[in-house]
Amino acid sequence: MADNWQDNPRLAGMDRGKLDLLQQMAQQGAGKSPSDLLPFIMNAASQGRNAGLNFNPQEINTIIEVLKMGKSPQERAKLDKVVNLMKMMK
């Protein structure tokens, strides 16, 4: 993930607690392949819910777009597949 993801203007209005969780995810998820991100993201989402953080659909889409920053087209496509799998699991 790019070091400057936190400066993305799309994240400007997000709750501080949610941004802190994203920071933790960014640090822990650095270097993971898109296929390894599925269990990682599922676990992070569970941790967020346990902490009382619920992300709305717009925030989730923003997070996904931020996760794609700096990725190759192939990595972006794999990440899209992971996202689609997660949507099917709901």
PDB file of N, CA and C in Angstrom:
ATOM      1  N   MET A   1       0.854  -1.174   0.000  1.00  0.00           N
ATOM      2  CA  MET A   1       0.000   0.000   0.000  1.00  0.00           C
ATOM      3  C   MET A   1       0.894   1.228   0.000  1.00  0.00           C
ATOM      4  N   ALA A   2       0.510   2.188  -0.748  1.00  0.00           N
ATOM      5  CA  ALA A   2       1.318   3.404  -0.831  1.00  0.00           C
ATOM      6  C   ALA A   2       1.379   4.091   0.525  1.00  0.00           C
ATOM      7  N   ASP A   3       2.528   4.680   0.826  1.00  0.00           N
ATOM      8  CA  ASP A   3       2.712   5.346   2.111  1.00  0.00           C
ATOM      9  C   ASP A   3       1.767   6.522   2.292  1.00  0.00           C
ATOM     10  N   ASN A   4       1.316   7.122   1.213  1.00  0.00           N
ATOM     11  CA  ASN A   4       0.490   8.318   1.306  1.00  0.00           C
ATOM     12  C   ASN A   4      -1.001   8.028   1.245  1.00  0.00           C
ATOM     13  N   TRP A   5      -1.422   6.799   1.486  1.00  0.00           N
ATOM     14  CA  TRP A   5      -2.843   6.468   1.415  1.00  0.00           C
ATOM     15  C   TRP A   5      -3.654   7.299   2.396  1.00  0.00           C
ATOM     16  N   GLN A   6      -3.039   7.674   3.522  1.00  0.00           N
ATOM     17  CA  GLN A   6      -3.760   8.445   4.539  1.00  0.00           C
ATOM     18  C   GLN A   6      -4.112   9.846   4.048  1.00  0.00           C
ATOM     19  N   ASP A   7      -3.402  10.328   3.045  1.00  0.00           N
ATOM     20  CA  ASP A   7      -3.653  11.663   2.510  1.00  0.00           C
ATOM     21  C   ASP A   7      -4.758  11.667   1.462  1.00  0.00           C
ATOM     22  N   ASN A   8      -5.326  10.506   1.171  1.00  0.00           N
ATOM     23  CA  ASN A   8      -6.370  10.431   0.161  1.00  0.00           C
ATOM     24  C   ASN A   8      -7.572  11.258   0.625  1.00  0.00           C
ATOM     25  N   PRO A   9      -7.986  12.245  -0.174  1.00  0.00           N
ATOM     26  CA  PRO A   9      -9.089  13.125   0.239  1.00  0.00           C
ATOM     27  C   PRO A   9     -10.404  12.392   0.452  1.00  0.00           C
ATOM     28  N   ARG A  10     -10.552  11.212  -0.133  1.00  0.00           N
ATOM     29  CA  ARG A  10     -11.787  10.447   0.034  1.00  0.00           C
ATOM     30  C   ARG A  10     -11.946   9.948   1.472  1.00  0.00           C
ATOM     31  N   LEU A  11     -10.851   9.934   2.231  1.00  0.00           N
ATOM     32  CA  LEU A  11     -10.901   9.476   3.622  1.00  0.00           C
ATOM     33  C   LEU A  11     -11.085  10.620   4.615  1.00  0.00           C
ATOM     34  N   ALA A  12     -11.119  11.837   4.118  1.00  0.00           N
ATOM     35  CA  ALA A  12     -11.111  13.027   4.979  1.00  0.00           C
ATOM     36  C   ALA A  12     -12.225  13.051   6.018  1.00  0.00           C
ATOM     37  N   GLY A  13     -13.418  12.602   5.684  1.00  0.00           N
ATOM     38  CA  GLY A  13     -14.523  12.693   6.623  1.00  0.00           C
ATOM     39  C   GLY A  13     -14.745  11.445   7.466  1.00  0.00           C
ATOM     40  N   MET A  14     -13.857  10.474   7.359  1.00  0.00           N
ATOM     41  CA  MET A  14     -14.059   9.217   8.066  1.00  0.00           C
ATOM     42  C   MET A  14     -13.725   9.364   9.547  1.00  0.00           C
ATOM     43  N   ASP A  15     -14.484   8.671  10.370  1.00  0.00           N
ATOM     44  CA  ASP A  15     -14.306   8.650  11.816  1.00  0.00           C
ATOM     45  C   ASP A  15     -12.874   8.264  12.189  1.00  0.00           C
ATOM     46  N   ARG A  16     -12.341   8.914  13.216  1.00  0.00           N
ATOM     47  CA  ARG A  16     -10.957   8.676  13.655  1.00  0.00           C
ATOM     48  C   ARG A  16     -10.717   7.218  14.042  1.00  0.00           C
ATOM     49  N   GLY A  17     -11.673   6.593  14.700  1.00  0.00           N
ATOM     50  CA  GLY A  17     -11.525   5.189  15.084  1.00  0.00           C
ATOM     51  C   GLY A  17     -11.402   4.283  13.878  1.00  0.00           C
ATOM     52  N   LYS A  18     -12.172   4.596  12.846  1.00  0.00           N
ATOM     53  CA  LYS A  18     -12.100   3.813  11.614  1.00  0.00           C
ATOM     54  C   LYS A  18     -10.755   4.018  10.920  1.00  0.00           C
ATOM     55  N   LEU A  19     -10.279   5.246  10.929  1.00  0.00           N
ATOM     56  CA  LEU A  19      -8.972   5.516  10.320  1.00  0.00           C
ATOM     57  C   LEU A  19      -7.854   4.812  11.083  1.00  0.00           C
ATOM     58  N   ASP A  20      -7.980   4.746  12.397  1.00  0.00           N
ATOM     59  CA  ASP A  20      -6.977   4.029  13.201  1.00  0.00           C
ATOM     60  C   ASP A  20      -6.972   2.543  12.846  1.00  0.00           C
ATOM     61  N   LEU A  21      -8.174   1.964  12.675  1.00  0.00           N
ATOM     62  CA  LEU A  21      -8.261   0.564  12.274  1.00  0.00           C
ATOM     63  C   LEU A  21      -7.625   0.364  10.904  1.00  0.00           C
ATOM     64  N   LEU A  22      -7.867   1.299   9.984  1.00  0.00           N
ATOM     65  CA  LEU A  22      -7.256   1.209   8.653  1.00  0.00           C
ATOM     66  C   LEU A  22      -5.735   1.283   8.732  1.00  0.00           C
ATOM     67  N   GLN A  23      -5.232   2.120   9.614  1.00  0.00           N
ATOM     68  CA  GLN A  23      -3.779   2.225   9.791  1.00  0.00           C
ATOM     69  C   GLN A  23      -3.213   0.884  10.247  1.00  0.00           C
ATOM     70  N   GLN A  24      -3.883   0.257  11.193  1.00  0.00           N
ATOM     71  CA  GLN A  24      -3.437  -1.061  11.658  1.00  0.00           C
ATOM     72  C   GLN A  24      -3.477  -2.077  10.518  1.00  0.00           C
ATOM     73  N   MET A  25      -4.566  -2.036   9.738  1.00  0.00           N
ATOM     74  CA  MET A  25      -4.687  -2.946   8.600  1.00  0.00           C
ATOM     75  C   MET A  25      -3.562  -2.712   7.599  1.00  0.00           C
ATOM     76  N   ALA A  26      -3.259  -1.448   7.342  1.00  0.00           N
ATOM     77  CA  ALA A  26      -2.212  -1.118   6.376  1.00  0.00           C
ATOM     78  C   ALA A  26      -0.872  -1.682   6.826  1.00  0.00           C
ATOM     79  N   GLN A  27      -0.577  -1.545   8.110  1.00  0.00           N
ATOM     80  CA  GLN A  27       0.696  -2.043   8.629  1.00  0.00           C
ATOM     81  C   GLN A  27       0.746  -3.567   8.597  1.00  0.00           C
ATOM     82  N   GLN A  28      -0.325  -4.201   9.020  1.00  0.00           N
ATOM     83  CA  GLN A  28      -0.350  -5.662   9.083  1.00  0.00           C
ATOM     84  C   GLN A  28      -0.507  -6.300   7.706  1.00  0.00           C
ATOM     85  N   GLY A  29      -1.160  -5.591   6.781  1.00  0.00           N
ATOM     86  CA  GLY A  29      -1.425  -6.160   5.465  1.00  0.00           C
ATOM     87  C   GLY A  29      -0.370  -5.853   4.421  1.00  0.00           C
ATOM     88  N   ALA A  30       0.611  -5.049   4.792  1.00  0.00           N
ATOM     89  CA  ALA A  30       1.653  -4.682   3.833  1.00  0.00           C
ATOM     90  C   ALA A  30       2.332  -5.930   3.286  1.00  0.00           C
ATOM     91  N   GLY A  31       2.418  -6.007   1.972  1.00  0.00           N
ATOM     92  CA  GLY A  31       3.106  -7.115   1.330  1.00  0.00           C
ATOM     93  C   GLY A  31       2.245  -8.341   1.088  1.00  0.00           C
ATOM     94  N   LYS A  32       1.022  -8.354   1.568  1.00  0.00           N
ATOM     95  CA  LYS A  32       0.156  -9.504   1.335  1.00  0.00           C
ATOM     96  C   LYS A  32      -0.335  -9.482  -0.112  1.00  0.00           C
ATOM     97  N   SER A  33      -0.432 -10.654  -0.689  1.00  0.00           N
ATOM     98  CA  SER A  33      -0.961 -10.751  -2.046  1.00  0.00           C
ATOM     99  C   SER A  33      -2.472 -10.560  -1.990  1.00  0.00           C
ATOM    100  N   PRO A  34      -3.080 -10.183  -3.113  1.00  0.00           N
ATOM    101  CA  PRO A  34      -4.536 -10.017  -3.109  1.00  0.00           C
ATOM    102  C   PRO A  34      -5.287 -11.249  -2.619  1.00  0.00           C
ATOM    103  N   SER A  35      -4.817 -12.453  -2.954  1.00  0.00           N
ATOM    104  CA  SER A  35      -5.511 -13.663  -2.492  1.00  0.00           C
ATOM    105  C   SER A  35      -5.361 -13.862  -0.986  1.00  0.00           C
ATOM    106  N   ASP A  36      -4.254 -13.382  -0.420  1.00  0.00           N
ATOM    107  CA  ASP A  36      -4.064 -13.471   1.031  1.00  0.00           C
ATOM    108  C   ASP A  36      -4.871 -12.416   1.772  1.00  0.00           C
ATOM    109  N   LEU A  37      -5.377 -11.430   1.044  1.00  0.00           N
ATOM    110  CA  LEU A  37      -6.120 -10.355   1.689  1.00  0.00           C
ATOM    111  C   LEU A  37      -7.516 -10.788   2.147  1.00  0.00           C
ATOM    112  N   LEU A  38      -8.117 -11.813   1.518  1.00  0.00           N
ATOM    113  CA  LEU A  38      -9.470 -12.209   1.887  1.00  0.00           C
ATOM    114  C   LEU A  38      -9.569 -12.571   3.365  1.00  0.00           C
ATOM    115  N   PRO A  39      -8.803 -13.535   3.859  1.00  0.00           N
ATOM    116  CA  PRO A  39      -8.928 -13.836   5.287  1.00  0.00           C
ATOM    117  C   PRO A  39      -8.487 -12.670   6.169  1.00  0.00           C
ATOM    118  N   PHE A  40      -7.510 -11.928   5.705  1.00  0.00           N
ATOM    119  CA  PHE A  40      -7.028 -10.775   6.462  1.00  0.00           C
ATOM    120  C   PHE A  40      -8.125  -9.717   6.605  1.00  0.00           C
ATOM    121  N   ILE A  41      -8.796  -9.392   5.508  1.00  0.00           N
ATOM    122  CA  ILE A  41      -9.851  -8.384   5.531  1.00  0.00           C
ATOM    123  C   ILE A  41     -11.043  -8.878   6.351  1.00  0.00           C
ATOM    124  N   MET A  42     -11.371 -10.153   6.216  1.00  0.00           N
ATOM    125  CA  MET A  42     -12.481 -10.711   6.993  1.00  0.00           C
ATOM    126  C   MET A  42     -12.194 -10.594   8.488  1.00  0.00           C
ATOM    127  N   ASN A  43     -10.975 -10.897   8.890  1.00  0.00           N
ATOM    128  CA  ASN A  43     -10.587 -10.787  10.290  1.00  0.00           C
ATOM    129  C   ASN A  43     -10.622  -9.330  10.751  1.00  0.00           C
ATOM    130  N   ALA A  44     -10.127  -8.438   9.926  1.00  0.00           N
ATOM    131  CA  ALA A  44     -10.129  -7.012  10.278  1.00  0.00           C
ATOM    132  C   ALA A  44     -11.556  -6.488  10.412  1.00  0.00           C
ATOM    133  N   ALA A  45     -12.436  -6.932   9.518  1.00  0.00           N
ATOM    134  CA  ALA A  45     -13.835  -6.511   9.606  1.00  0.00           C
ATOM    135  C   ALA A  45     -14.463  -7.003  10.898  1.00  0.00           C
ATOM    136  N   SER A  46     -14.138  -8.222  11.274  1.00  0.00           N
ATOM    137  CA  SER A  46     -14.646  -8.774  12.531  1.00  0.00           C
ATOM    138  C   SER A  46     -14.133  -7.980  13.727  1.00  0.00           C
ATOM    139  N   GLN A  47     -12.861  -7.633  13.704  1.00  0.00           N
ATOM    140  CA  GLN A  47     -12.282  -6.831  14.785  1.00  0.00           C
ATOM    141  C   GLN A  47     -12.966  -5.468  14.859  1.00  0.00           C
ATOM    142  N   GLY A  48     -13.243  -4.882  13.711  1.00  0.00           N
ATOM    143  CA  GLY A  48     -13.927  -3.587  13.671  1.00  0.00           C
ATOM    144  C   GLY A  48     -15.313  -3.673  14.273  1.00  0.00           C
ATOM    145  N   ARG A  49     -16.056  -4.714  13.894  1.00  0.00           N
ATOM    146  CA  ARG A  49     -17.405  -4.895  14.445  1.00  0.00           C
ATOM    147  C   ARG A  49     -17.343  -5.084  15.955  1.00  0.00           C
ATOM    148  N   ASN A  50     -16.371  -5.879  16.410  1.00  0.00           N
ATOM    149  CA  ASN A  50     -16.218  -6.107  17.853  1.00  0.00           C
ATOM    150  C   ASN A  50     -15.880  -4.817  18.589  1.00  0.00           C
ATOM    151  N   ALA A  51     -15.232  -3.891  17.915  1.00  0.00           N
ATOM    152  CA  ALA A  51     -14.885  -2.606  18.513  1.00  0.00           C
ATOM    153  C   ALA A  51     -16.012  -1.582  18.336  1.00  0.00           C
ATOM    154  N   GLY A  52     -17.130  -2.028  17.748  1.00  0.00           N
ATOM    155  CA  GLY A  52     -18.263  -1.126  17.552  1.00  0.00           C
ATOM    156  C   GLY A  52     -18.153  -0.248  16.324  1.00  0.00           C
ATOM    157  N   LEU A  53     -17.264  -0.596  15.392  1.00  0.00           N
ATOM    158  CA  LEU A  53     -17.092   0.192  14.170  1.00  0.00           C
ATOM    159  C   LEU A  53     -17.837  -0.481  13.020  1.00  0.00           C
ATOM    160  N   ASN A  54     -18.751   0.234  12.436  1.00  0.00           N
ATOM    161  CA  ASN A  54     -19.491  -0.271  11.283  1.00  0.00           C
ATOM    162  C   ASN A  54     -19.243   0.666  10.109  1.00  0.00           C
ATOM    163  N   PHE A  55     -18.786   0.086   9.018  1.00  0.00           N
ATOM    164  CA  PHE A  55     -18.482   0.863   7.825  1.00  0.00           C
ATOM    165  C   PHE A  55     -19.681   0.848   6.898  1.00  0.00           C
ATOM    166  N   ASN A  56     -20.063   2.018   6.389  1.00  0.00           N
ATOM    167  CA  ASN A  56     -21.162   2.075   5.436  1.00  0.00           C
ATOM    168  C   ASN A  56     -20.627   1.698   4.049  1.00  0.00           C
ATOM    169  N   PRO A  57     -21.522   1.413   3.099  1.00  0.00           N
ATOM    170  CA  PRO A  57     -21.067   0.987   1.765  1.00  0.00           C
ATOM    171  C   PRO A  57     -20.118   1.977   1.090  1.00  0.00           C
ATOM    172  N   GLN A  58     -20.354   3.269   1.255  1.00  0.00           N
ATOM    173  CA  GLN A  58     -19.469   4.268   0.646  1.00  0.00           C
ATOM    174  C   GLN A  58     -18.064   4.179   1.255  1.00  0.00           C
ATOM    175  N   GLU A  59     -17.983   4.006   2.568  1.00  0.00           N
ATOM    176  CA  GLU A  59     -16.675   3.884   3.223  1.00  0.00           C
ATOM    177  C   GLU A  59     -15.965   2.624   2.754  1.00  0.00           C
ATOM    178  N   ILE A  60     -16.700   1.552   2.603  1.00  0.00           N
ATOM    179  CA  ILE A  60     -16.098   0.293   2.143  1.00  0.00           C
ATOM    180  C   ILE A  60     -15.544   0.459   0.736  1.00  0.00           C
ATOM    181  N   ASN A  61     -16.319   1.092  -0.141  1.00  0.00           N
ATOM    182  CA  ASN A  61     -15.832   1.326  -1.510  1.00  0.00           C
ATOM    183  C   ASN A  61     -14.589   2.201  -1.513  1.00  0.00           C
ATOM    184  N   THR A  62     -14.567   3.204  -0.650  1.00  0.00           N
ATOM    185  CA  THR A  62     -13.395   4.078  -0.548  1.00  0.00           C
ATOM    186  C   THR A  62     -12.180   3.288  -0.083  1.00  0.00           C
ATOM    187  N   ILE A  63     -12.358   2.463   0.915  1.00  0.00           N
ATOM    188  CA  ILE A  63     -11.256   1.645   1.434  1.00  0.00           C
ATOM    189  C   ILE A  63     -10.705   0.739   0.333  1.00  0.00           C
ATOM    190  N   ILE A  64     -11.591   0.131  -0.426  1.00  0.00           N
ATOM    191  CA  ILE A  64     -11.155  -0.748  -1.512  1.00  0.00           C
ATOM    192  C   ILE A  64     -10.351   0.031  -2.546  1.00  0.00           C
ATOM    193  N   GLU A  65     -10.821   1.211  -2.895  1.00  0.00           N
ATOM    194  CA  GLU A  65     -10.091   2.041  -3.858  1.00  0.00           C
ATOM    195  C   GLU A  65      -8.719   2.440  -3.311  1.00  0.00           C
ATOM    196  N   VAL A  66      -8.654   2.738  -2.031  1.00  0.00           N
ATOM    197  CA  VAL A  66      -7.375   3.086  -1.417  1.00  0.00           C
ATOM    198  C   VAL A  66      -6.444   1.872  -1.418  1.00  0.00           C
ATOM    199  N   LEU A  67      -6.998   0.684  -1.144  1.00  0.00           N
ATOM    200  CA  LEU A  67      -6.180  -0.530  -1.163  1.00  0.00           C
ATOM    201  C   LEU A  67      -5.587  -0.797  -2.547  1.00  0.00           C
ATOM    202  N   LYS A  68      -6.280  -0.358  -3.590  1.00  0.00           N
ATOM    203  CA  LYS A  68      -5.813  -0.582  -4.964  1.00  0.00           C
ATOM    204  C   LYS A  68      -4.693   0.372  -5.372  1.00  0.00           C
ATOM    205  N   MET A  69      -4.504   1.440  -4.618  1.00  0.00           N
ATOM    206  CA  MET A  69      -3.485   2.426  -4.984  1.00  0.00           C
ATOM    207  C   MET A  69      -2.113   1.765  -5.063  1.00  0.00           C
ATOM    208  N   GLY A  70      -1.414   2.037  -6.143  1.00  0.00           N
ATOM    209  CA  GLY A  70      -0.059   1.530  -6.296  1.00  0.00           C
ATOM    210  C   GLY A  70       0.024   0.077  -6.729  1.00  0.00           C
ATOM    211  N   LYS A  71      -1.109  -0.563  -6.954  1.00  0.00           N
ATOM    212  CA  LYS A  71      -1.112  -1.963  -7.366  1.00  0.00           C
ATOM    213  C   LYS A  71      -1.088  -2.050  -8.892  1.00  0.00           C
ATOM    214  N   SER A  72      -0.550  -3.142  -9.393  1.00  0.00           N
ATOM    215  CA  SER A  72      -0.540  -3.386 -10.836  1.00  0.00           C
ATOM    216  C   SER A  72      -1.959  -3.729 -11.287  1.00  0.00           C
ATOM    217  N   PRO A  73      -2.221  -3.644 -12.591  1.00  0.00           N
ATOM    218  CA  PRO A  73      -3.553  -4.027 -13.088  1.00  0.00           C
ATOM    219  C   PRO A  73      -3.933  -5.466 -12.704  1.00  0.00           C
ATOM    220  N   GLN A  74      -2.959  -6.356 -12.697  1.00  0.00           N
ATOM    221  CA  GLN A  74      -3.227  -7.741 -12.320  1.00  0.00           C
ATOM    222  C   GLN A  74      -3.605  -7.840 -10.836  1.00  0.00           C
ATOM    223  N   GLU A  75      -2.885  -7.105  -9.993  1.00  0.00           N
ATOM    224  CA  GLU A  75      -3.198  -7.113  -8.568  1.00  0.00           C
ATOM    225  C   GLU A  75      -4.559  -6.480  -8.301  1.00  0.00           C
ATOM    226  N   ARG A  76      -4.884  -5.443  -9.054  1.00  0.00           N
ATOM    227  CA  ARG A  76      -6.201  -4.798  -8.915  1.00  0.00           C
ATOM    228  C   ARG A  76      -7.306  -5.783  -9.281  1.00  0.00           C
ATOM    229  N   ALA A  77      -7.102  -6.535 -10.356  1.00  0.00           N
ATOM    230  CA  ALA A  77      -8.102  -7.517 -10.794  1.00  0.00           C
ATOM    231  C   ALA A  77      -8.282  -8.597  -9.731  1.00  0.00           C
ATOM    232  N   LYS A  78      -7.180  -9.052  -9.138  1.00  0.00           N
ATOM    233  CA  LYS A  78      -7.272 -10.060  -8.081  1.00  0.00           C
ATOM    234  C   LYS A  78      -8.008  -9.502  -6.865  1.00  0.00           C
ATOM    235  N   LEU A  79      -7.729  -8.257  -6.535  1.00  0.00           N
ATOM    236  CA  LEU A  79      -8.402  -7.625  -5.403  1.00  0.00           C
ATOM    237  C   LEU A  79      -9.899  -7.502  -5.679  1.00  0.00           C
ATOM    238  N   ASP A  80     -10.255  -7.180  -6.918  1.00  0.00           N
ATOM    239  CA  ASP A  80     -11.673  -7.126  -7.290  1.00  0.00           C
ATOM    240  C   ASP A  80     -12.335  -8.491  -7.098  1.00  0.00           C
ATOM    241  N   LYS A  81     -11.620  -9.555  -7.444  1.00  0.00           N
ATOM    242  CA  LYS A  81     -12.158 -10.907  -7.246  1.00  0.00           C
ATOM    243  C   LYS A  81     -12.371 -11.189  -5.767  1.00  0.00           C
ATOM    244  N   VAL A  82     -11.419 -10.781  -4.935  1.00  0.00           N
ATOM    245  CA  VAL A  82     -11.542 -10.971  -3.493  1.00  0.00           C
ATOM    246  C   VAL A  82     -12.765 -10.222  -2.968  1.00  0.00           C
ATOM    247  N   VAL A  83     -12.940  -9.011  -3.415  1.00  0.00           N
ATOM    248  CA  VAL A  83     -14.087  -8.196  -2.989  1.00  0.00           C
ATOM    249  C   VAL A  83     -15.394  -8.869  -3.407  1.00  0.00           C
ATOM    250  N   ASN A  84     -15.444  -9.361  -4.635  1.00  0.00           N
ATOM    251  CA  ASN A  84     -16.652 -10.040  -5.105  1.00  0.00           C
ATOM    252  C   ASN A  84     -16.936 -11.294  -4.288  1.00  0.00           C
ATOM    253  N   LEU A  85     -15.898 -12.031  -3.917  1.00  0.00           N
ATOM    254  CA  LEU A  85     -16.072 -13.206  -3.053  1.00  0.00           C
ATOM    255  C   LEU A  85     -16.647 -12.795  -1.695  1.00  0.00           C
ATOM    256  N   MET A  86     -16.130 -11.706  -1.158  1.00  0.00           N
ATOM    257  CA  MET A  86     -16.616 -11.246   0.132  1.00  0.00           C
ATOM    258  C   MET A  86     -18.093 -10.849   0.048  1.00  0.00           C
ATOM    259  N   LYS A  87     -18.474 -10.206  -1.037  1.00  0.00           N
ATOM    260  CA  LYS A  87     -19.875  -9.797  -1.213  1.00  0.00           C
ATOM    261  C   LYS A  87     -20.772 -11.026  -1.299  1.00  0.00           C
ATOM    262  N   MET A  88     -20.291 -12.083  -1.932  1.00  0.00           N
ATOM    263  CA  MET A  88     -21.084 -13.310  -2.063  1.00  0.00           C
ATOM    264  C   MET A  88     -21.242 -14.013  -0.713  1.00  0.00           C
ATOM    265  N   MET A  89     -20.289 -13.804   0.184  1.00  0.00           N
ATOM    266  CA  MET A  89     -20.312 -14.478   1.486  1.00  0.00           C
ATOM    267  C   MET A  89     -21.260 -13.822   2.475  1.00  0.00           C
ATOM    268  N   LYS A  90     -21.720 -12.617   2.184  1.00  0.00           N
ATOM    269  CA  LYS A  90     -22.618 -11.906   3.103  1.00  0.00           C
ATOM    270  C   LYS A  90     -23.982 -12.514   3.140  1.00  0.00           C
TER     271      LYS A  90
END
